Each structure stands twice: as structure tokens, then as C-alpha cells.
């Protein structure tokens, strides 16, 4: 039961970090930081 609750949460964190990486990469390319 606990692993069933924890897995979607960890997947959400991984997806969130991936989106943040892409967003920051676009900002760096756009503004040449």
C-alpha cells in the first residue's frame, strides 16, 4: 500500500525535475546565461 502511494509521487517529482531542466535549458539558450 505504501509503495503504491509513494510511486506516483516519485514519478511526479521526476517529471517535474525533467520539465524544470528543459525550462532552464531554454532560458539559458535564450538569454545566454
C-alpha atoms as a PDB file:
ATOM      1  CA  UNK A   1       0.000   0.000   0.000  1.00  0.00           C
ATOM      2  CA  UNK A   2       2.733   2.450   0.940  1.00  0.00           C
ATOM      3  CA  UNK A   3       4.748   1.754  -2.222  1.00  0.00           C
ATOM      4  CA  UNK A   4       1.567   2.270  -4.263  1.00  0.00           C
ATOM      5  CA  UNK A   5       1.259   5.741  -2.702  1.00  0.00           C
ATOM      6  CA  UNK A   6       4.948   6.597  -2.971  1.00  0.00           C
ATOM      7  CA  UNK A   7       5.488   5.561  -6.594  1.00  0.00           C
ATOM      8  CA  UNK A   8       3.193   8.144  -8.282  1.00  0.00           C
ATOM      9  CA  UNK A   9       4.727  10.801  -6.051  1.00  0.00           C
ATOM     10  CA  UNK A  10       8.274   9.897  -7.101  1.00  0.00           C
ATOM     11  CA  UNK A  11       7.169   9.779 -10.749  1.00  0.00           C
ATOM     12  CA  UNK A  12       5.691  13.267 -10.347  1.00  0.00           C
ATOM     13  CA  UNK A  13       8.975  14.540  -8.874  1.00  0.00           C
ATOM     14  CA  UNK A  14      10.965  13.021 -11.761  1.00  0.00           C
ATOM     15  CA  UNK A  15       8.611  14.563 -14.334  1.00  0.00           C
ATOM     16  CA  UNK A  16       8.714  17.917 -12.524  1.00  0.00           C
ATOM     17  CA  UNK A  17      12.526  17.934 -12.466  1.00  0.00           C
ATOM     18  CA  UNK A  18      12.669  16.985 -16.158  1.00  0.00           C
ATOM     19  CA  UNK A  19      10.327  19.846 -17.071  1.00  0.00           C
ATOM     20  CA  UNK A  20      12.371  22.245 -14.916  1.00  0.00           C
ATOM     21  CA  UNK A  21      15.592  21.126 -16.629  1.00  0.00           C
ATOM     22  CA  UNK A  22      14.079  21.717 -20.065  1.00  0.00           C
ATOM     23  CA  UNK A  23      12.727  25.122 -18.986  1.00  0.00           C
ATOM     24  CA  UNK A  24      16.068  26.244 -17.539  1.00  0.00           C
ATOM     25  CA  UNK A  25      17.901  24.966 -20.628  1.00  0.00           C
ATOM     26  CA  UNK A  26      15.611  27.043 -22.855  1.00  0.00           C
ATOM     27  CA  UNK A  27      16.208  30.109 -20.683  1.00  0.00           C
ATOM     28  CA  UNK A  28      19.985  29.610 -20.889  1.00  0.00           C
ATOM     29  CA  UNK A  29      19.842  29.265 -24.671  1.00  0.00           C
ATOM     30  CA  UNK A  30      17.536  32.256 -24.993  1.00  0.00           C
ATOM     31  CA  UNK A  31      19.406  34.659 -22.711  1.00  0.00           C
ATOM     32  CA  UNK A  32      22.908  33.134 -22.990  1.00  0.00           C
ATOM     33  CA  UNK A  33      23.331  32.938 -19.212  1.00  0.00           C
END
